[in-house]
């Protein structure tokens, strides 16, 4: 997943995003890193994030930065 795709998912889901069908924990960690990078760039405000193990998924709660 690319950073722009993640931003689109966050935008299209009003900030509440769950990404499943991950192939590994490392992939989930990369998505969280991308979300933190989007926050650092001032595009979102990351409120919560969680790497779930069963089933393997990442949940993000964010709002768009103004």
PDB file of N, CA and C in Angstrom:
ATOM      1  N   UNK A   1       0.846  -1.171   0.000  1.00  0.00           N
ATOM      2  CA  UNK A   1       0.000   0.000   0.000  1.00  0.00           C
ATOM      3  C   UNK A   1       0.895   1.238   0.000  1.00  0.00           C
ATOM      4  N   UNK A   2       0.487   2.213  -0.784  1.00  0.00           N
ATOM      5  CA  UNK A   2       1.205   3.475  -0.846  1.00  0.00           C
ATOM      6  C   UNK A   2       0.587   4.485   0.110  1.00  0.00           C
ATOM      7  N   UNK A   3       1.370   5.484   0.453  1.00  0.00           N
ATOM      8  CA  UNK A   3       0.927   6.512   1.399  1.00  0.00           C
ATOM      9  C   UNK A   3      -0.319   7.231   0.894  1.00  0.00           C
ATOM     10  N   UNK A   4      -0.408   7.510  -0.391  1.00  0.00           N
ATOM     11  CA  UNK A   4      -1.570   8.192  -0.966  1.00  0.00           C
ATOM     12  C   UNK A   4      -2.820   7.327  -0.870  1.00  0.00           C
ATOM     13  N   UNK A   5      -2.660   6.024  -1.045  1.00  0.00           N
ATOM     14  CA  UNK A   5      -3.793   5.108  -0.917  1.00  0.00           C
ATOM     15  C   UNK A   5      -4.311   5.094   0.515  1.00  0.00           C
ATOM     16  N   UNK A   6      -3.394   5.111   1.472  1.00  0.00           N
ATOM     17  CA  UNK A   6      -3.800   5.136   2.874  1.00  0.00           C
ATOM     18  C   UNK A   6      -4.551   6.419   3.190  1.00  0.00           C
ATOM     19  N   UNK A   7      -4.060   7.545   2.709  1.00  0.00           N
ATOM     20  CA  UNK A   7      -4.739   8.818   2.935  1.00  0.00           C
ATOM     21  C   UNK A   7      -6.131   8.796   2.313  1.00  0.00           C
ATOM     22  N   UNK A   8      -6.275   8.232   1.135  1.00  0.00           N
ATOM     23  CA  UNK A   8      -7.589   8.124   0.494  1.00  0.00           C
ATOM     24  C   UNK A   8      -8.541   7.261   1.319  1.00  0.00           C
ATOM     25  N   UNK A   9      -8.053   6.144   1.857  1.00  0.00           N
ATOM     26  CA  UNK A   9      -8.909   5.288   2.678  1.00  0.00           C
ATOM     27  C   UNK A   9      -9.361   6.016   3.935  1.00  0.00           C
ATOM     28  N   UNK A  10      -8.444   6.744   4.560  1.00  0.00           N
ATOM     29  CA  UNK A  10      -8.798   7.502   5.762  1.00  0.00           C
ATOM     30  C   UNK A  10      -9.830   8.560   5.424  1.00  0.00           C
ATOM     31  N   UNK A  11      -9.628   9.262   4.321  1.00  0.00           N
ATOM     32  CA  UNK A  11     -10.543  10.314   3.887  1.00  0.00           C
ATOM     33  C   UNK A  11     -11.919   9.744   3.547  1.00  0.00           C
ATOM     34  N   UNK A  12     -11.954   8.654   2.816  1.00  0.00           N
ATOM     35  CA  UNK A  12     -13.217   8.065   2.369  1.00  0.00           C
ATOM     36  C   UNK A  12     -14.004   7.404   3.489  1.00  0.00           C
ATOM     37  N   UNK A  13     -13.351   7.090   4.596  1.00  0.00           N
ATOM     38  CA  UNK A  13     -14.019   6.413   5.712  1.00  0.00           C
ATOM     39  C   UNK A  13     -14.163   7.315   6.931  1.00  0.00           C
ATOM     40  N   UNK A  14     -14.163   8.615   6.709  1.00  0.00           N
ATOM     41  CA  UNK A  14     -14.323   9.584   7.800  1.00  0.00           C
ATOM     42  C   UNK A  14     -13.350   9.351   8.953  1.00  0.00           C
ATOM     43  N   UNK A  15     -12.157   8.905   8.640  1.00  0.00           N
ATOM     44  CA  UNK A  15     -11.115   8.750   9.640  1.00  0.00           C
ATOM     45  C   UNK A  15     -11.052   7.409  10.329  1.00  0.00           C
ATOM     46  N   UNK A  16     -12.098   6.614  10.234  1.00  0.00           N
ATOM     47  CA  UNK A  16     -12.103   5.287  10.868  1.00  0.00           C
ATOM     48  C   UNK A  16     -11.818   4.236   9.807  1.00  0.00           C
ATOM     49  N   UNK A  17     -10.634   3.680   9.852  1.00  0.00           N
ATOM     50  CA  UNK A  17     -10.196   2.774   8.805  1.00  0.00           C
ATOM     51  C   UNK A  17      -9.710   1.472   9.403  1.00  0.00           C
ATOM     52  N   UNK A  18     -10.116   0.369   8.791  1.00  0.00           N
ATOM     53  CA  UNK A  18      -9.623  -0.951   9.185  1.00  0.00           C
ATOM     54  C   UNK A  18      -9.077  -1.615   7.935  1.00  0.00           C
ATOM     55  N   UNK A  19      -7.827  -1.986   7.995  1.00  0.00           N
ATOM     56  CA  UNK A  19      -7.164  -2.607   6.852  1.00  0.00           C
ATOM     57  C   UNK A  19      -6.857  -4.047   7.229  1.00  0.00           C
ATOM     58  N   UNK A  20      -7.475  -4.960   6.510  1.00  0.00           N
ATOM     59  CA  UNK A  20      -7.264  -6.378   6.791  1.00  0.00           C
ATOM     60  C   UNK A  20      -6.595  -7.034   5.587  1.00  0.00           C
ATOM     61  N   UNK A  21      -6.531  -8.325   5.621  1.00  0.00           N
ATOM     62  CA  UNK A  21      -5.862  -9.105   4.579  1.00  0.00           C
ATOM     63  C   UNK A  21      -4.376  -8.759   4.495  1.00  0.00           C
ATOM     64  N   UNK A  22      -3.775  -8.594   5.646  1.00  0.00           N
ATOM     65  CA  UNK A  22      -2.344  -8.337   5.703  1.00  0.00           C
ATOM     66  C   UNK A  22      -1.601  -9.666   5.641  1.00  0.00           C
ATOM     67  N   UNK A  23      -0.449  -9.644   5.018  1.00  0.00           N
ATOM     68  CA  UNK A  23       0.313 -10.878   4.884  1.00  0.00           C
ATOM     69  C   UNK A  23       1.251 -11.122   6.063  1.00  0.00           C
ATOM     70  N   UNK A  24       1.564 -10.049   6.824  1.00  0.00           N
ATOM     71  CA  UNK A  24       2.492 -10.220   7.945  1.00  0.00           C
ATOM     72  C   UNK A  24       2.338  -9.075   8.945  1.00  0.00           C
ATOM     73  N   UNK A  25       2.864  -9.287  10.125  1.00  0.00           N
ATOM     74  CA  UNK A  25       2.874  -8.232  11.135  1.00  0.00           C
ATOM     75  C   UNK A  25       3.703  -7.054  10.647  1.00  0.00           C
ATOM     76  N   UNK A  26       4.775  -7.343   9.927  1.00  0.00           N
ATOM     77  CA  UNK A  26       5.628  -6.284   9.400  1.00  0.00           C
ATOM     78  C   UNK A  26       4.858  -5.366   8.453  1.00  0.00           C
ATOM     79  N   UNK A  27       3.969  -5.946   7.642  1.00  0.00           N
ATOM     80  CA  UNK A  27       3.146  -5.140   6.736  1.00  0.00           C
ATOM     81  C   UNK A  27       2.231  -4.219   7.548  1.00  0.00           C
ATOM     82  N   UNK A  28       1.670  -4.729   8.623  1.00  0.00           N
ATOM     83  CA  UNK A  28       0.839  -3.910   9.499  1.00  0.00           C
ATOM     84  C   UNK A  28       1.632  -2.782  10.133  1.00  0.00           C
ATOM     85  N   UNK A  29       2.837  -3.090  10.566  1.00  0.00           N
ATOM     86  CA  UNK A  29       3.703  -2.064  11.152  1.00  0.00           C
ATOM     87  C   UNK A  29       4.054  -0.980  10.139  1.00  0.00           C
ATOM     88  N   UNK A  30       4.242  -1.358   8.882  1.00  0.00           N
ATOM     89  CA  UNK A  30       4.526  -0.386   7.826  1.00  0.00           C
ATOM     90  C   UNK A  30       3.343   0.558   7.608  1.00  0.00           C
ATOM     91  N   UNK A  31       2.130   0.032   7.675  1.00  0.00           N
ATOM     92  CA  UNK A  31       0.940   0.870   7.521  1.00  0.00           C
ATOM     93  C   UNK A  31       0.863   1.880   8.661  1.00  0.00           C
ATOM     94  N   UNK A  32       1.159   1.436   9.865  1.00  0.00           N
ATOM     95  CA  UNK A  32       1.165   2.351  11.005  1.00  0.00           C
ATOM     96  C   UNK A  32       2.237   3.419  10.824  1.00  0.00           C
ATOM     97  N   UNK A  33       3.407   3.037  10.333  1.00  0.00           N
ATOM     98  CA  UNK A  33       4.473   4.015  10.065  1.00  0.00           C
ATOM     99  C   UNK A  33       4.022   5.038   9.033  1.00  0.00           C
ATOM    100  N   UNK A  34       3.317   4.578   7.991  1.00  0.00           N
ATOM    101  CA  UNK A  34       2.807   5.503   6.975  1.00  0.00           C
ATOM    102  C   UNK A  34       1.802   6.473   7.585  1.00  0.00           C
ATOM    103  N   UNK A  35       0.934   5.979   8.465  1.00  0.00           N
ATOM    104  CA  UNK A  35      -0.038   6.851   9.125  1.00  0.00           C
ATOM    105  C   UNK A  35       0.675   7.896   9.977  1.00  0.00           C
ATOM    106  N   UNK A  36       1.715   7.484  10.677  1.00  0.00           N
ATOM    107  CA  UNK A  36       2.487   8.435  11.482  1.00  0.00           C
ATOM    108  C   UNK A  36       3.185   9.458  10.598  1.00  0.00           C
ATOM    109  N   UNK A  37       3.641   9.033   9.424  1.00  0.00           N
ATOM    110  CA  UNK A  37       4.269   9.951   8.477  1.00  0.00           C
ATOM    111  C   UNK A  37       3.244  10.956   7.943  1.00  0.00           C
ATOM    112  N   UNK A  38       2.033  10.493   7.655  1.00  0.00           N
ATOM    113  CA  UNK A  38       0.972  11.406   7.218  1.00  0.00           C
ATOM    114  C   UNK A  38       0.672  12.432   8.308  1.00  0.00           C
ATOM    115  N   UNK A  39       0.731  11.998   9.551  1.00  0.00           N
ATOM    116  CA  UNK A  39       0.518  12.924  10.661  1.00  0.00           C
ATOM    117  C   UNK A  39       1.676  13.926  10.732  1.00  0.00           C
ATOM    118  N   UNK A  40       2.897  13.456  10.601  1.00  0.00           N
ATOM    119  CA  UNK A  40       4.070  14.322  10.633  1.00  0.00           C
ATOM    120  C   UNK A  40       4.011  15.365   9.509  1.00  0.00           C
ATOM    121  N   UNK A  41       3.485  14.951   8.351  1.00  0.00           N
ATOM    122  CA  UNK A  41       3.357  15.862   7.202  1.00  0.00           C
ATOM    123  C   UNK A  41       2.194  16.825   7.357  1.00  0.00           C
ATOM    124  N   UNK A  42       1.395  16.660   8.413  1.00  0.00           N
ATOM    125  CA  UNK A  42       0.287  17.572   8.660  1.00  0.00           C
ATOM    126  C   UNK A  42      -0.967  17.276   7.871  1.00  0.00           C
ATOM    127  N   UNK A  43      -1.101  16.059   7.350  1.00  0.00           N
ATOM    128  CA  UNK A  43      -2.273  15.699   6.549  1.00  0.00           C
ATOM    129  C   UNK A  43      -3.396  15.109   7.394  1.00  0.00           C
ATOM    130  N   UNK A  44      -3.030  14.435   8.488  1.00  0.00           N
ATOM    131  CA  UNK A  44      -4.028  13.856   9.382  1.00  0.00           C
ATOM    132  C   UNK A  44      -3.612  14.097  10.831  1.00  0.00           C
ATOM    133  N   UNK A  45      -4.554  13.888  11.721  1.00  0.00           N
ATOM    134  CA  UNK A  45      -4.267  13.844  13.150  1.00  0.00           C
ATOM    135  C   UNK A  45      -4.618  12.434  13.590  1.00  0.00           C
ATOM    136  N   UNK A  46      -3.612  11.674  13.920  1.00  0.00           N
ATOM    137  CA  UNK A  46      -3.793  10.270  14.293  1.00  0.00           C
ATOM    138  C   UNK A  46      -4.191  10.197  15.756  1.00  0.00           C
ATOM    139  N   UNK A  47      -5.387   9.687  16.013  1.00  0.00           N
ATOM    140  CA  UNK A  47      -5.892   9.631  17.381  1.00  0.00           C
ATOM    141  C   UNK A  47      -5.629   8.279  18.027  1.00  0.00           C
ATOM    142  N   UNK A  48      -5.848   7.200  17.288  1.00  0.00           N
ATOM    143  CA  UNK A  48      -5.617   5.847  17.797  1.00  0.00           C
ATOM    144  C   UNK A  48      -5.150   4.965  16.656  1.00  0.00           C
ATOM    145  N   UNK A  49      -4.379   3.966  17.001  1.00  0.00           N
ATOM    146  CA  UNK A  49      -4.034   2.929  16.027  1.00  0.00           C
ATOM    147  C   UNK A  49      -3.830   1.628  16.773  1.00  0.00           C
ATOM    148  N   UNK A  50      -4.097   0.532  16.089  1.00  0.00           N
ATOM    149  CA  UNK A  50      -4.011  -0.774  16.721  1.00  0.00           C
ATOM    150  C   UNK A  50      -3.641  -1.815  15.663  1.00  0.00           C
ATOM    151  N   UNK A  51      -2.687  -2.656  16.005  1.00  0.00           N
ATOM    152  CA  UNK A  51      -2.345  -3.800  15.166  1.00  0.00           C
ATOM    153  C   UNK A  51      -2.990  -5.019  15.809  1.00  0.00           C
ATOM    154  N   UNK A  52      -4.009  -5.527  15.152  1.00  0.00           N
ATOM    155  CA  UNK A  52      -4.762  -6.671  15.676  1.00  0.00           C
ATOM    156  C   UNK A  52      -4.143  -7.964  15.151  1.00  0.00           C
ATOM    157  N   UNK A  53      -4.135  -8.986  15.993  1.00  0.00           N
ATOM    158  CA  UNK A  53      -3.475 -10.227  15.577  1.00  0.00           C
ATOM    159  C   UNK A  53      -4.437 -11.287  15.034  1.00  0.00           C
ATOM    160  N   UNK A  54      -5.679 -11.280  15.480  1.00  0.00           N
ATOM    161  CA  UNK A  54      -6.618 -12.309  15.008  1.00  0.00           C
ATOM    162  C   UNK A  54      -7.944 -11.686  14.661  1.00  0.00           C
ATOM    163  N   UNK A  55      -8.282 -11.521  13.430  1.00  0.00           N
ATOM    164  CA  UNK A  55      -7.436 -11.686  12.252  1.00  0.00           C
ATOM    165  C   UNK A  55      -6.450 -10.532  12.146  1.00  0.00           C
ATOM    166  N   UNK A  56      -5.402 -10.738  11.413  1.00  0.00           N
ATOM    167  CA  UNK A  56      -4.351  -9.739  11.245  1.00  0.00           C
ATOM    168  C   UNK A  56      -4.911  -8.525  10.519  1.00  0.00           C
ATOM    169  N   UNK A  57      -4.906  -7.385  11.205  1.00  0.00           N
ATOM    170  CA  UNK A  57      -5.474  -6.156  10.641  1.00  0.00           C
ATOM    171  C   UNK A  57      -4.909  -4.945  11.374  1.00  0.00           C
ATOM    172  N   UNK A  58      -5.038  -3.785  10.738  1.00  0.00           N
ATOM    173  CA  UNK A  58      -4.665  -2.511  11.354  1.00  0.00           C
ATOM    174  C   UNK A  58      -5.921  -1.657  11.415  1.00  0.00           C
ATOM    175  N   UNK A  59      -6.189  -1.112  12.594  1.00  0.00           N
ATOM    176  CA  UNK A  59      -7.301  -0.180  12.757  1.00  0.00           C
ATOM    177  C   UNK A  59      -6.719   1.194  13.064  1.00  0.00           C
ATOM    178  N   UNK A  60      -7.232   2.201  12.355  1.00  0.00           N
ATOM    179  CA  UNK A  60      -6.780   3.575  12.548  1.00  0.00           C
ATOM    180  C   UNK A  60      -7.966   4.464  12.826  1.00  0.00           C
ATOM    181  N   UNK A  61      -7.784   5.389  13.730  1.00  0.00           N
ATOM    182  CA  UNK A  61      -8.778   6.420  13.989  1.00  0.00           C
ATOM    183  C   UNK A  61      -8.044   7.743  13.832  1.00  0.00           C
ATOM    184  N   UNK A  62      -8.484   8.558  12.882  1.00  0.00           N
ATOM    185  CA  UNK A  62      -7.799   9.802  12.580  1.00  0.00           C
ATOM    186  C   UNK A  62      -8.801  10.842  12.117  1.00  0.00           C
ATOM    187  N   UNK A  63      -8.364  12.068  12.137  1.00  0.00           N
ATOM    188  CA  UNK A  63      -9.156  13.150  11.545  1.00  0.00           C
ATOM    189  C   UNK A  63      -8.256  13.892  10.570  1.00  0.00           C
ATOM    190  N   UNK A  64      -8.876  14.531   9.610  1.00  0.00           N
ATOM    191  CA  UNK A  64      -8.100  15.277   8.626  1.00  0.00           C
ATOM    192  C   UNK A  64      -7.614  16.574   9.241  1.00  0.00           C
ATOM    193  N   UNK A  65      -6.371  16.886   8.990  1.00  0.00           N
ATOM    194  CA  UNK A  65      -5.802  18.135   9.475  1.00  0.00           C
ATOM    195  C   UNK A  65      -6.353  19.273   8.631  1.00  0.00           C
ATOM    196  N   UNK A  66      -6.516  20.426   9.250  1.00  0.00           N
ATOM    197  CA  UNK A  66      -7.073  21.576   8.519  1.00  0.00           C
ATOM    198  C   UNK A  66      -6.030  22.582   8.207  1.00  0.00           C
TER     199      UNK A  66
END
